[in-house]
């Protein structure tokens, strides 16, 4: 009978230890899940801030005018009436300019003529 009681007690202790460990495991996993969710949210906010500060590759006429105002002395209206305007794309939403192409156009206009 002694061995039987010892085995029953050991079985009960193992069962209790398993229950406690499952509870601890659940708490740890919940903590990890919470930390991952907070990290994902923080990364999403950081990505939004970076996107907002990064100039877009495509600009509409208003954005291009603002961009050129800091690059050239000519106003955008003067530029648009010349035949030598930056390469542009007409879309359903309006005229779009590629920033790299506008930069190349500015360099071509401001570079001294080659002899």
PDB file of N, CA and C in Angstrom:
ATOM      1  N   UNK A   1       0.806  -1.177   0.000  1.00  0.00           N
ATOM      2  CA  UNK A   1       0.000   0.000   0.000  1.00  0.00           C
ATOM      3  C   UNK A   1       0.859   1.255   0.000  1.00  0.00           C
ATOM      4  N   UNK A   2       2.023   1.214   0.539  1.00  0.00           N
ATOM      5  CA  UNK A   2       2.929   2.347   0.613  1.00  0.00           C
ATOM      6  C   UNK A   2       3.357   2.828  -0.747  1.00  0.00           C
ATOM      7  N   UNK A   3       3.704   1.842  -1.613  1.00  0.00           N
ATOM      8  CA  UNK A   3       4.105   2.209  -2.973  1.00  0.00           C
ATOM      9  C   UNK A   3       2.955   2.819  -3.755  1.00  0.00           C
ATOM     10  N   UNK A   4       1.775   2.302  -3.540  1.00  0.00           N
ATOM     11  CA  UNK A   4       0.588   2.779  -4.250  1.00  0.00           C
ATOM     12  C   UNK A   4       0.288   4.224  -3.872  1.00  0.00           C
ATOM     13  N   UNK A   5       0.391   4.532  -2.552  1.00  0.00           N
ATOM     14  CA  UNK A   5       0.177   5.909  -2.091  1.00  0.00           C
ATOM     15  C   UNK A   5       1.249   6.834  -2.638  1.00  0.00           C
ATOM     16  N   UNK A   6       2.476   6.365  -2.631  1.00  0.00           N
ATOM     17  CA  UNK A   6       3.593   7.157  -3.141  1.00  0.00           C
ATOM     18  C   UNK A   6       3.405   7.446  -4.629  1.00  0.00           C
ATOM     19  N   UNK A   7       2.977   6.427  -5.385  1.00  0.00           N
ATOM     20  CA  UNK A   7       2.738   6.610  -6.815  1.00  0.00           C
ATOM     21  C   UNK A   7       1.562   7.561  -7.055  1.00  0.00           C
ATOM     22  N   UNK A   8       0.519   7.444  -6.275  1.00  0.00           N
ATOM     23  CA  UNK A   8      -0.639   8.335  -6.421  1.00  0.00           C
ATOM     24  C   UNK A   8      -0.250   9.773  -6.104  1.00  0.00           C
ATOM     25  N   UNK A   9       0.522   9.946  -5.039  1.00  0.00           N
ATOM     26  CA  UNK A   9       0.959  11.286  -4.646  1.00  0.00           C
ATOM     27  C   UNK A   9       1.881  11.883  -5.703  1.00  0.00           C
ATOM     28  N   UNK A  10       2.793  11.065  -6.221  1.00  0.00           N
ATOM     29  CA  UNK A  10       3.715  11.528  -7.261  1.00  0.00           C
ATOM     30  C   UNK A  10       2.938  11.895  -8.528  1.00  0.00           C
ATOM     31  N   UNK A  11       1.958  11.071  -8.879  1.00  0.00           N
ATOM     32  CA  UNK A  11       1.129  11.341 -10.056  1.00  0.00           C
ATOM     33  C   UNK A  11       0.372  12.653  -9.874  1.00  0.00           C
ATOM     34  N   UNK A  12      -0.178  12.858  -8.680  1.00  0.00           N
ATOM     35  CA  UNK A  12      -0.894  14.098  -8.399  1.00  0.00           C
ATOM     36  C   UNK A  12       0.048  15.300  -8.479  1.00  0.00           C
ATOM     37  N   UNK A  13       1.252  15.189  -7.906  1.00  0.00           N
ATOM     38  CA  UNK A  13       2.233  16.277  -7.948  1.00  0.00           C
ATOM     39  C   UNK A  13       2.649  16.590  -9.381  1.00  0.00           C
ATOM     40  N   UNK A  14       2.838  15.530 -10.183  1.00  0.00           N
ATOM     41  CA  UNK A  14       3.188  15.741 -11.592  1.00  0.00           C
ATOM     42  C   UNK A  14       2.048  16.435 -12.336  1.00  0.00           C
ATOM     43  N   UNK A  15       0.828  16.020 -12.050  1.00  0.00           N
ATOM     44  CA  UNK A  15      -0.334  16.632 -12.683  1.00  0.00           C
ATOM     45  C   UNK A  15      -0.431  18.104 -12.292  1.00  0.00           C
ATOM     46  N   UNK A  16      -0.215  18.388 -11.011  1.00  0.00           N
ATOM     47  CA  UNK A  16      -0.259  19.771 -10.514  1.00  0.00           C
ATOM     48  C   UNK A  16       0.873  20.596 -11.127  1.00  0.00           C
ATOM     49  N   UNK A  17       2.066  20.027 -11.209  1.00  0.00           N
ATOM     50  CA  UNK A  17       3.201  20.723 -11.820  1.00  0.00           C
ATOM     51  C   UNK A  17       2.911  21.020 -13.294  1.00  0.00           C
ATOM     52  N   UNK A  18       2.302  20.063 -13.996  1.00  0.00           N
ATOM     53  CA  UNK A  18       1.942  20.258 -15.405  1.00  0.00           C
ATOM     54  C   UNK A  18       0.933  21.387 -15.544  1.00  0.00           C
ATOM     55  N   UNK A  19      -0.057  21.429 -14.675  1.00  0.00           N
ATOM     56  CA  UNK A  19      -1.066  22.492 -14.710  1.00  0.00           C
ATOM     57  C   UNK A  19      -0.428  23.861 -14.484  1.00  0.00           C
ATOM     58  N   UNK A  20       0.476  23.923 -13.508  1.00  0.00           N
ATOM     59  CA  UNK A  20       1.166  25.188 -13.207  1.00  0.00           C
ATOM     60  C   UNK A  20       2.025  25.621 -14.398  1.00  0.00           C
ATOM     61  N   UNK A  21       2.768  24.674 -14.972  1.00  0.00           N
ATOM     62  CA  UNK A  21       3.623  24.998 -16.124  1.00  0.00           C
ATOM     63  C   UNK A  21       2.793  25.431 -17.329  1.00  0.00           C
ATOM     64  N   UNK A  22       1.627  24.806 -17.534  1.00  0.00           N
ATOM     65  CA  UNK A  22       0.764  25.220 -18.635  1.00  0.00           C
ATOM     66  C   UNK A  22       0.277  26.653 -18.431  1.00  0.00           C
ATOM     67  N   UNK A  23      -0.027  26.987 -17.184  1.00  0.00           N
ATOM     68  CA  UNK A  23      -0.441  28.360 -16.860  1.00  0.00           C
ATOM     69  C   UNK A  23       0.683  29.348 -17.112  1.00  0.00           C
ATOM     70  N   UNK A  24       1.887  28.991 -16.692  1.00  0.00           N
ATOM     71  CA  UNK A  24       3.053  29.854 -16.909  1.00  0.00           C
ATOM     72  C   UNK A  24       3.313  30.000 -18.406  1.00  0.00           C
ATOM     73  N   UNK A  25       3.235  28.884 -19.112  1.00  0.00           N
ATOM     74  CA  UNK A  25       3.464  28.906 -20.559  1.00  0.00           C
ATOM     75  C   UNK A  25       2.447  29.821 -21.248  1.00  0.00           C
ATOM     76  N   UNK A  26       1.202  29.735 -20.842  1.00  0.00           N
ATOM     77  CA  UNK A  26       0.155  30.579 -21.419  1.00  0.00           C
ATOM     78  C   UNK A  26       0.462  32.049 -21.159  1.00  0.00           C
ATOM     79  N   UNK A  27       0.861  32.367 -19.927  1.00  0.00           N
ATOM     80  CA  UNK A  27       1.185  33.752 -19.587  1.00  0.00           C
ATOM     81  C   UNK A  27       2.377  34.260 -20.399  1.00  0.00           C
ATOM     82  N   UNK A  28       3.400  33.429 -20.543  1.00  0.00           N
ATOM     83  CA  UNK A  28       4.586  33.824 -21.314  1.00  0.00           C
ATOM     84  C   UNK A  28       4.209  34.045 -22.772  1.00  0.00           C
ATOM     85  N   UNK A  29       3.423  33.134 -23.339  1.00  0.00           N
ATOM     86  CA  UNK A  29       3.007  33.272 -24.733  1.00  0.00           C
ATOM     87  C   UNK A  29       2.147  34.512 -24.941  1.00  0.00           C
ATOM     88  N   UNK A  30       1.270  34.804 -23.986  1.00  0.00           N
ATOM     89  CA  UNK A  30       0.469  36.021 -24.067  1.00  0.00           C
ATOM     90  C   UNK A  30       1.363  37.262 -24.033  1.00  0.00           C
ATOM     91  N   UNK A  31       2.373  37.226 -23.170  1.00  0.00           N
ATOM     92  CA  UNK A  31       3.318  38.342 -23.094  1.00  0.00           C
ATOM     93  C   UNK A  31       4.090  38.525 -24.393  1.00  0.00           C
ATOM     94  N   UNK A  32       4.529  37.428 -24.977  1.00  0.00           N
ATOM     95  CA  UNK A  32       5.254  37.487 -26.257  1.00  0.00           C
ATOM     96  C   UNK A  32       4.327  38.016 -27.352  1.00  0.00           C
ATOM     97  N   UNK A  33       3.082  37.532 -27.380  1.00  0.00           N
ATOM     98  CA  UNK A  33       2.121  37.993 -28.383  1.00  0.00           C
ATOM     99  C   UNK A  33       1.861  39.494 -28.229  1.00  0.00           C
ATOM    100  N   UNK A  34       1.724  39.954 -27.008  1.00  0.00           N
ATOM    101  CA  UNK A  34       1.513  41.380 -26.738  1.00  0.00           C
ATOM    102  C   UNK A  34       2.712  42.191 -27.203  1.00  0.00           C
ATOM    103  N   UNK A  35       3.917  41.720 -26.896  1.00  0.00           N
ATOM    104  CA  UNK A  35       5.135  42.422 -27.302  1.00  0.00           C
ATOM    105  C   UNK A  35       5.245  42.476 -28.825  1.00  0.00           C
ATOM    106  N   UNK A  36       4.919  41.374 -29.501  1.00  0.00           N
ATOM    107  CA  UNK A  36       4.964  41.353 -30.971  1.00  0.00           C
ATOM    108  C   UNK A  36       3.936  42.306 -31.573  1.00  0.00           C
ATOM    109  N   UNK A  37       2.757  42.362 -30.987  1.00  0.00           N
ATOM    110  CA  UNK A  37       1.717  43.273 -31.477  1.00  0.00           C
ATOM    111  C   UNK A  37       2.154  44.726 -31.311  1.00  0.00           C
ATOM    112  N   UNK A  38       2.736  45.054 -30.164  1.00  0.00           N
ATOM    113  CA  UNK A  38       3.225  46.415 -29.926  1.00  0.00           C
ATOM    114  C   UNK A  38       4.362  46.759 -30.881  1.00  0.00           C
ATOM    115  N   UNK A  39       5.258  45.801 -31.124  1.00  0.00           N
ATOM    116  CA  UNK A  39       6.365  46.026 -32.048  1.00  0.00           C
ATOM    117  C   UNK A  39       5.850  46.235 -33.464  1.00  0.00           C
ATOM    118  N   UNK A  40       4.887  45.438 -33.874  1.00  0.00           N
ATOM    119  CA  UNK A  40       4.308  45.583 -35.215  1.00  0.00           C
ATOM    120  C   UNK A  40       3.639  46.948 -35.367  1.00  0.00           C
ATOM    121  N   UNK A  41       2.926  47.378 -34.344  1.00  0.00           N
ATOM    122  CA  UNK A  41       2.277  48.688 -34.384  1.00  0.00           C
ATOM    123  C   UNK A  41       3.315  49.807 -34.455  1.00  0.00           C
ATOM    124  N   UNK A  42       4.382  49.678 -33.687  1.00  0.00           N
ATOM    125  CA  UNK A  42       5.452  50.673 -33.703  1.00  0.00           C
ATOM    126  C   UNK A  42       6.132  50.718 -35.077  1.00  0.00           C
ATOM    127  N   UNK A  43       6.374  49.556 -35.658  1.00  0.00           N
ATOM    128  CA  UNK A  43       6.987  49.515 -36.987  1.00  0.00           C
ATOM    129  C   UNK A  43       6.069  50.135 -38.039  1.00  0.00           C
ATOM    130  N   UNK A  44       4.785  49.904 -37.917  1.00  0.00           N
ATOM    131  CA  UNK A  44       3.828  50.484 -38.864  1.00  0.00           C
ATOM    132  C   UNK A  44       3.836  52.011 -38.755  1.00  0.00           C
ATOM    133  N   UNK A  45       3.865  52.534 -37.530  1.00  0.00           N
ATOM    134  CA  UNK A  45       3.931  53.996 -37.342  1.00  0.00           C
ATOM    135  C   UNK A  45       5.223  54.553 -37.905  1.00  0.00           C
ATOM    136  N   UNK A  46       6.330  53.855 -37.670  1.00  0.00           N
ATOM    137  CA  UNK A  46       7.626  54.301 -38.194  1.00  0.00           C
ATOM    138  C   UNK A  46       7.612  54.301 -39.714  1.00  0.00           C
ATOM    139  N   UNK A  47       7.060  53.259 -40.311  1.00  0.00           N
ATOM    140  CA  UNK A  47       6.981  53.183 -41.778  1.00  0.00           C
ATOM    141  C   UNK A  47       6.135  54.326 -42.332  1.00  0.00           C
ATOM    142  N   UNK A  48       5.034  54.651 -41.656  1.00  0.00           N
ATOM    143  CA  UNK A  48       4.192  55.768 -42.097  1.00  0.00           C
ATOM    144  C   UNK A  48       4.955  57.089 -42.017  1.00  0.00           C
ATOM    145  N   UNK A  49       5.710  57.291 -40.931  1.00  0.00           N
ATOM    146  CA  UNK A  49       6.494  58.531 -40.796  1.00  0.00           C
ATOM    147  C   UNK A  49       7.565  58.608 -41.872  1.00  0.00           C
ATOM    148  N   UNK A  50       8.242  57.488 -42.135  1.00  0.00           N
ATOM    149  CA  UNK A  50       9.272  57.481 -43.175  1.00  0.00           C
ATOM    150  C   UNK A  50       8.663  57.749 -44.548  1.00  0.00           C
ATOM    151  N   UNK A  51       7.530  57.158 -44.814  1.00  0.00           N
ATOM    152  CA  UNK A  51       6.853  57.363 -46.104  1.00  0.00           C
ATOM    153  C   UNK A  51       6.452  58.825 -46.264  1.00  0.00           C
ATOM    154  N   UNK A  52       5.995  59.436 -45.175  1.00  0.00           N
ATOM    155  CA  UNK A  52       5.574  60.834 -45.238  1.00  0.00           C
ATOM    156  C   UNK A  52       6.749  61.772 -45.485  1.00  0.00           C
ATOM    157  N   UNK A  53       7.931  61.412 -45.016  1.00  0.00           N
ATOM    158  CA  UNK A  53       9.089  62.291 -45.190  1.00  0.00           C
ATOM    159  C   UNK A  53       9.837  62.029 -46.491  1.00  0.00           C
ATOM    160  N   UNK A  54       9.594  60.875 -47.105  1.00  0.00           N
ATOM    161  CA  UNK A  54      10.282  60.538 -48.347  1.00  0.00           C
ATOM    162  C   UNK A  54       9.552  61.184 -49.510  1.00  0.00           C
ATOM    163  N   UNK A  55      10.292  61.885 -50.370  1.00  0.00           N
ATOM    164  CA  UNK A  55       9.600  62.468 -51.522  1.00  0.00           C
ATOM    165  C   UNK A  55       9.091  61.365 -52.439  1.00  0.00           C
ATOM    166  N   UNK A  56       7.910  61.599 -52.971  1.00  0.00           N
ATOM    167  CA  UNK A  56       7.358  60.605 -53.876  1.00  0.00           C
ATOM    168  C   UNK A  56       8.027  60.710 -55.229  1.00  0.00           C
ATOM    169  N   UNK A  57       8.033  59.629 -55.946  1.00  0.00           N
ATOM    170  CA  UNK A  57       8.652  59.592 -57.262  1.00  0.00           C
ATOM    171  C   UNK A  57       7.820  60.385 -58.273  1.00  0.00           C
ATOM    172  N   UNK A  58       6.515  60.388 -58.093  1.00  0.00           N
ATOM    173  CA  UNK A  58       5.614  61.066 -59.021  1.00  0.00           C
ATOM    174  C   UNK A  58       4.992  62.276 -58.357  1.00  0.00           C
ATOM    175  N   UNK A  59       4.915  63.384 -59.126  1.00  0.00           N
ATOM    176  CA  UNK A  59       4.359  64.629 -58.601  1.00  0.00           C
ATOM    177  C   UNK A  59       3.310  65.144 -59.580  1.00  0.00           C
ATOM    178  N   UNK A  60       2.241  65.733 -59.036  1.00  0.00           N
ATOM    179  CA  UNK A  60       1.276  66.391 -59.914  1.00  0.00           C
ATOM    180  C   UNK A  60       1.799  67.791 -60.227  1.00  0.00           C
ATOM    181  N   UNK A  61       1.041  68.584 -60.970  1.00  0.00           N
ATOM    182  CA  UNK A  61       1.543  69.903 -61.381  1.00  0.00           C
ATOM    183  C   UNK A  61       1.785  70.821 -60.188  1.00  0.00           C
ATOM    184  N   UNK A  62       0.926  70.768 -59.202  1.00  0.00           N
ATOM    185  CA  UNK A  62       1.102  71.616 -58.016  1.00  0.00           C
ATOM    186  C   UNK A  62       2.373  71.224 -57.252  1.00  0.00           C
ATOM    187  N   UNK A  63       2.581  69.929 -57.069  1.00  0.00           N
ATOM    188  CA  UNK A  63       3.787  69.458 -56.381  1.00  0.00           C
ATOM    189  C   UNK A  63       5.041  69.792 -57.195  1.00  0.00           C
ATOM    190  N   UNK A  64       4.946  69.651 -58.516  1.00  0.00           N
ATOM    191  CA  UNK A  64       6.096  69.953 -59.369  1.00  0.00           C
ATOM    192  C   UNK A  64       6.423  71.438 -59.306  1.00  0.00           C
ATOM    193  N   UNK A  65       5.400  72.278 -59.313  1.00  0.00           N
ATOM    194  CA  UNK A  65       5.627  73.718 -59.204  1.00  0.00           C
ATOM    195  C   UNK A  65       6.331  74.060 -57.899  1.00  0.00           C
ATOM    196  N   UNK A  66       5.872  73.463 -56.808  1.00  0.00           N
ATOM    197  CA  UNK A  66       6.509  73.709 -55.505  1.00  0.00           C
ATOM    198  C   UNK A  66       7.953  73.198 -55.512  1.00  0.00           C
ATOM    199  N   UNK A  67       8.159  72.052 -56.129  1.00  0.00           N
ATOM    200  CA  UNK A  67       9.501  71.469 -56.208  1.00  0.00           C
ATOM    201  C   UNK A  67      10.428  72.362 -57.032  1.00  0.00           C
ATOM    202  N   UNK A  68       9.936  72.857 -58.154  1.00  0.00           N
ATOM    203  CA  UNK A  68      10.760  73.707 -59.017  1.00  0.00           C
ATOM    204  C   UNK A  68      11.012  75.076 -58.422  1.00  0.00           C
ATOM    205  N   UNK A  69      10.116  75.548 -57.585  1.00  0.00           N
ATOM    206  CA  UNK A  69      10.287  76.870 -56.984  1.00  0.00           C
ATOM    207  C   UNK A  69      11.590  76.944 -56.200  1.00  0.00           C
ATOM    208  N   UNK A  70      12.002  75.857 -55.618  1.00  0.00           N
ATOM    209  CA  UNK A  70      13.256  75.847 -54.876  1.00  0.00           C
ATOM    210  C   UNK A  70      14.459  75.532 -55.746  1.00  0.00           C
ATOM    211  N   UNK A  71      14.236  75.133 -56.996  1.00  0.00           N
ATOM    212  CA  UNK A  71      15.327  74.721 -57.868  1.00  0.00           C
ATOM    213  C   UNK A  71      15.673  75.751 -58.936  1.00  0.00           C
ATOM    214  N   UNK A  72      14.689  76.486 -59.438  1.00  0.00           N
ATOM    215  CA  UNK A  72      14.932  77.428 -60.528  1.00  0.00           C
ATOM    216  C   UNK A  72      14.337  78.782 -60.189  1.00  0.00           C
ATOM    217  N   UNK A  73      14.730  79.800 -60.942  1.00  0.00           N
ATOM    218  CA  UNK A  73      14.190  81.135 -60.734  1.00  0.00           C
ATOM    219  C   UNK A  73      12.921  81.342 -61.551  1.00  0.00           C
ATOM    220  N   UNK A  74      12.728  80.511 -62.576  1.00  0.00           N
ATOM    221  CA  UNK A  74      11.524  80.622 -63.407  1.00  0.00           C
ATOM    222  C   UNK A  74      10.315  80.105 -62.643  1.00  0.00           C
ATOM    223  N   UNK A  75       9.185  80.712 -62.905  1.00  0.00           N
ATOM    224  CA  UNK A  75       7.960  80.182 -62.291  1.00  0.00           C
ATOM    225  C   UNK A  75       7.482  78.992 -63.113  1.00  0.00           C
ATOM    226  N   UNK A  76       6.707  78.152 -62.483  1.00  0.00           N
ATOM    227  CA  UNK A  76       6.208  76.961 -63.175  1.00  0.00           C
ATOM    228  C   UNK A  76       5.323  77.351 -64.352  1.00  0.00           C
ATOM    229  N   UNK A  77       4.563  78.438 -64.208  1.00  0.00           N
ATOM    230  CA  UNK A  77       3.708  78.867 -65.317  1.00  0.00           C
ATOM    231  C   UNK A  77       4.538  79.218 -66.546  1.00  0.00           C
ATOM    232  N   UNK A  78       5.640  79.914 -66.350  1.00  0.00           N
ATOM    233  CA  UNK A  78       6.517  80.246 -67.474  1.00  0.00           C
ATOM    234  C   UNK A  78       7.060  78.975 -68.116  1.00  0.00           C
ATOM    235  N   UNK A  79       7.424  78.033 -67.287  1.00  0.00           N
ATOM    236  CA  UNK A  79       7.986  76.784 -67.786  1.00  0.00           C
ATOM    237  C   UNK A  79       6.952  76.036 -68.610  1.00  0.00           C
ATOM    238  N   UNK A  80       5.716  76.026 -68.156  1.00  0.00           N
ATOM    239  CA  UNK A  80       4.682  75.249 -68.833  1.00  0.00           C
ATOM    240  C   UNK A  80       4.315  75.827 -70.198  1.00  0.00           C
ATOM    241  N   UNK A  81       4.558  77.109 -70.460  1.00  0.00           N
ATOM    242  CA  UNK A  81       4.222  77.667 -71.770  1.00  0.00           C
ATOM    243  C   UNK A  81       5.362  77.501 -72.774  1.00  0.00           C
ATOM    244  N   UNK A  82       6.517  77.065 -72.324  1.00  0.00           N
ATOM    245  CA  UNK A  82       7.611  76.825 -73.254  1.00  0.00           C
ATOM    246  C   UNK A  82       7.424  75.462 -73.897  1.00  0.00           C
ATOM    247  N   UNK A  83       8.132  75.262 -74.985  1.00  0.00           N
ATOM    248  CA  UNK A  83       8.034  73.957 -75.643  1.00  0.00           C
ATOM    249  C   UNK A  83       8.967  72.953 -74.989  1.00  0.00           C
ATOM    250  N   UNK A  84       9.884  73.443 -74.190  1.00  0.00           N
ATOM    251  CA  UNK A  84      10.866  72.567 -73.537  1.00  0.00           C
ATOM    252  C   UNK A  84      10.454  72.332 -72.088  1.00  0.00           C
ATOM    253  N   UNK A  85       9.433  71.507 -71.892  1.00  0.00           N
ATOM    254  CA  UNK A  85       8.997  71.212 -70.527  1.00  0.00           C
ATOM    255  C   UNK A  85       9.486  69.821 -70.145  1.00  0.00           C
ATOM    256  N   UNK A  86       9.558  69.569 -68.837  1.00  0.00           N
ATOM    257  CA  UNK A  86       9.995  68.230 -68.420  1.00  0.00           C
ATOM    258  C   UNK A  86       9.059  67.169 -68.981  1.00  0.00           C
ATOM    259  N   UNK A  87       9.599  66.002 -69.196  1.00  0.00           N
ATOM    260  CA  UNK A  87       8.790  64.874 -69.650  1.00  0.00           C
ATOM    261  C   UNK A  87       7.668  64.658 -68.638  1.00  0.00           C
ATOM    262  N   UNK A  88       6.482  64.412 -69.123  1.00  0.00           N
ATOM    263  CA  UNK A  88       5.329  64.269 -68.237  1.00  0.00           C
ATOM    264  C   UNK A  88       4.387  63.211 -68.790  1.00  0.00           C
ATOM    265  N   UNK A  89       3.435  62.819 -67.963  1.00  0.00           N
ATOM    266  CA  UNK A  89       2.484  61.776 -68.311  1.00  0.00           C
ATOM    267  C   UNK A  89       1.088  62.286 -68.012  1.00  0.00           C
ATOM    268  N   UNK A  90       0.201  62.143 -68.971  1.00  0.00           N
ATOM    269  CA  UNK A  90      -1.177  62.570 -68.774  1.00  0.00           C
ATOM    270  C   UNK A  90      -1.979  61.344 -68.363  1.00  0.00           C
ATOM    271  N   UNK A  91      -2.600  61.464 -67.203  1.00  0.00           N
ATOM    272  CA  UNK A  91      -3.397  60.359 -66.666  1.00  0.00           C
ATOM    273  C   UNK A  91      -4.818  60.856 -66.434  1.00  0.00           C
ATOM    274  N   UNK A  92      -5.682  59.968 -66.025  1.00  0.00           N
ATOM    275  CA  UNK A  92      -7.054  60.347 -65.699  1.00  0.00           C
ATOM    276  C   UNK A  92      -7.100  61.329 -64.537  1.00  0.00           C
ATOM    277  N   UNK A  93      -6.096  61.269 -63.679  1.00  0.00           N
ATOM    278  CA  UNK A  93      -6.060  62.146 -62.504  1.00  0.00           C
ATOM    279  C   UNK A  93      -5.326  63.453 -62.771  1.00  0.00           C
ATOM    280  N   UNK A  94      -4.764  63.622 -63.948  1.00  0.00           N
ATOM    281  CA  UNK A  94      -4.063  64.856 -64.278  1.00  0.00           C
ATOM    282  C   UNK A  94      -2.679  64.569 -64.831  1.00  0.00           C
ATOM    283  N   UNK A  95      -1.877  65.619 -64.887  1.00  0.00           N
ATOM    284  CA  UNK A  95      -0.519  65.509 -65.416  1.00  0.00           C
ATOM    285  C   UNK A  95       0.418  65.110 -64.283  1.00  0.00           C
ATOM    286  N   UNK A  96       1.264  64.122 -64.550  1.00  0.00           N
ATOM    287  CA  UNK A  96       2.232  63.660 -63.551  1.00  0.00           C
ATOM    288  C   UNK A  96       3.643  63.835 -64.093  1.00  0.00           C
ATOM    289  N   UNK A  97       4.537  64.244 -63.195  1.00  0.00           N
ATOM    290  CA  UNK A  97       5.945  64.399 -63.519  1.00  0.00           C
ATOM    291  C   UNK A  97       6.753  63.446 -62.654  1.00  0.00           C
ATOM    292  N   UNK A  98       7.768  62.850 -63.237  1.00  0.00           N
ATOM    293  CA  UNK A  98       8.666  61.981 -62.498  1.00  0.00           C
ATOM    294  C   UNK A  98       9.785  62.860 -61.930  1.00  0.00           C
ATOM    295  N   UNK A  99      10.027  62.754 -60.639  1.00  0.00           N
ATOM    296  CA  UNK A  99      11.004  63.616 -59.967  1.00  0.00           C
ATOM    297  C   UNK A  99      12.398  63.501 -60.600  1.00  0.00           C
ATOM    298  N   UNK A 100      12.827  62.296 -60.916  1.00  0.00           N
ATOM    299  CA  UNK A 100      14.162  62.116 -61.511  1.00  0.00           C
ATOM    300  C   UNK A 100      14.229  62.777 -62.884  1.00  0.00           C
ATOM    301  N   UNK A 101      13.144  62.695 -63.654  1.00  0.00           N
ATOM    302  CA  UNK A 101      13.129  63.322 -64.973  1.00  0.00           C
ATOM    303  C   UNK A 101      13.099  64.843 -64.864  1.00  0.00           C
ATOM    304  N   UNK A 102      12.410  65.375 -63.861  1.00  0.00           N
ATOM    305  CA  UNK A 102      12.411  66.828 -63.626  1.00  0.00           C
ATOM    306  C   UNK A 102      13.819  67.271 -63.235  1.00  0.00           C
ATOM    307  N   UNK A 103      14.480  66.496 -62.386  1.00  0.00           N
ATOM    308  CA  UNK A 103      15.857  66.830 -62.004  1.00  0.00           C
ATOM    309  C   UNK A 103      16.783  66.829 -63.223  1.00  0.00           C
ATOM    310  N   UNK A 104      16.635  65.834 -64.090  1.00  0.00           N
ATOM    311  CA  UNK A 104      17.462  65.777 -65.308  1.00  0.00           C
ATOM    312  C   UNK A 104      17.172  66.975 -66.207  1.00  0.00           C
ATOM    313  N   UNK A 105      15.910  67.360 -66.303  1.00  0.00           N
ATOM    314  CA  UNK A 105      15.518  68.508 -67.114  1.00  0.00           C
ATOM    315  C   UNK A 105      16.133  69.795 -66.560  1.00  0.00           C
ATOM    316  N   UNK A 106      16.106  69.933 -65.219  1.00  0.00           N
ATOM    317  CA  UNK A 106      16.711  71.118 -64.586  1.00  0.00           C
ATOM    318  C   UNK A 106      18.203  71.160 -64.886  1.00  0.00           C
ATOM    319  N   UNK A 107      18.870  70.007 -64.756  1.00  0.00           N
ATOM    320  CA  UNK A 107      20.314  69.972 -65.004  1.00  0.00           C
ATOM    321  C   UNK A 107      20.613  70.354 -66.451  1.00  0.00           C
ATOM    322  N   UNK A 108      19.799  69.905 -67.369  1.00  0.00           N
ATOM    323  CA  UNK A 108      20.009  70.219 -68.782  1.00  0.00           C
ATOM    324  C   UNK A 108      19.840  71.718 -69.008  1.00  0.00           C
ATOM    325  N   UNK A 109      18.864  72.329 -68.354  1.00  0.00           N
ATOM    326  CA  UNK A 109      18.593  73.763 -68.526  1.00  0.00           C
ATOM    327  C   UNK A 109      19.631  74.640 -67.841  1.00  0.00           C
ATOM    328  N   UNK A 110      20.194  74.169 -66.728  1.00  0.00           N
ATOM    329  CA  UNK A 110      21.122  75.014 -65.962  1.00  0.00           C
ATOM    330  C   UNK A 110      22.585  74.723 -66.265  1.00  0.00           C
ATOM    331  N   UNK A 111      22.865  73.684 -67.045  1.00  0.00           N
ATOM    332  CA  UNK A 111      24.257  73.368 -67.392  1.00  0.00           C
ATOM    333  C   UNK A 111      24.743  74.330 -68.468  1.00  0.00           C
ATOM    334  N   UNK A 112      25.994  74.765 -68.352  1.00  0.00           N
ATOM    335  CA  UNK A 112      26.524  75.634 -69.397  1.00  0.00           C
ATOM    336  C   UNK A 112      26.617  74.858 -70.713  1.00  0.00           C
ATOM    337  N   UNK A 113      26.404  75.542 -71.846  1.00  0.00           N
ATOM    338  CA  UNK A 113      26.493  74.837 -73.126  1.00  0.00           C
ATOM    339  C   UNK A 113      27.898  74.292 -73.338  1.00  0.00           C
ATOM    340  N   UNK A 114      27.950  73.107 -73.926  1.00  0.00           N
ATOM    341  CA  UNK A 114      29.275  72.520 -74.188  1.00  0.00           C
ATOM    342  C   UNK A 114      29.830  73.124 -75.444  1.00  0.00           C
ATOM    343  N   UNK A 115      31.184  73.357 -75.452  1.00  0.00           N
ATOM    344  CA  UNK A 115      31.782  73.999 -76.621  1.00  0.00           C
ATOM    345  C   UNK A 115      32.267  73.004 -77.622  1.00  0.00           C
TER     346      UNK A 115
END
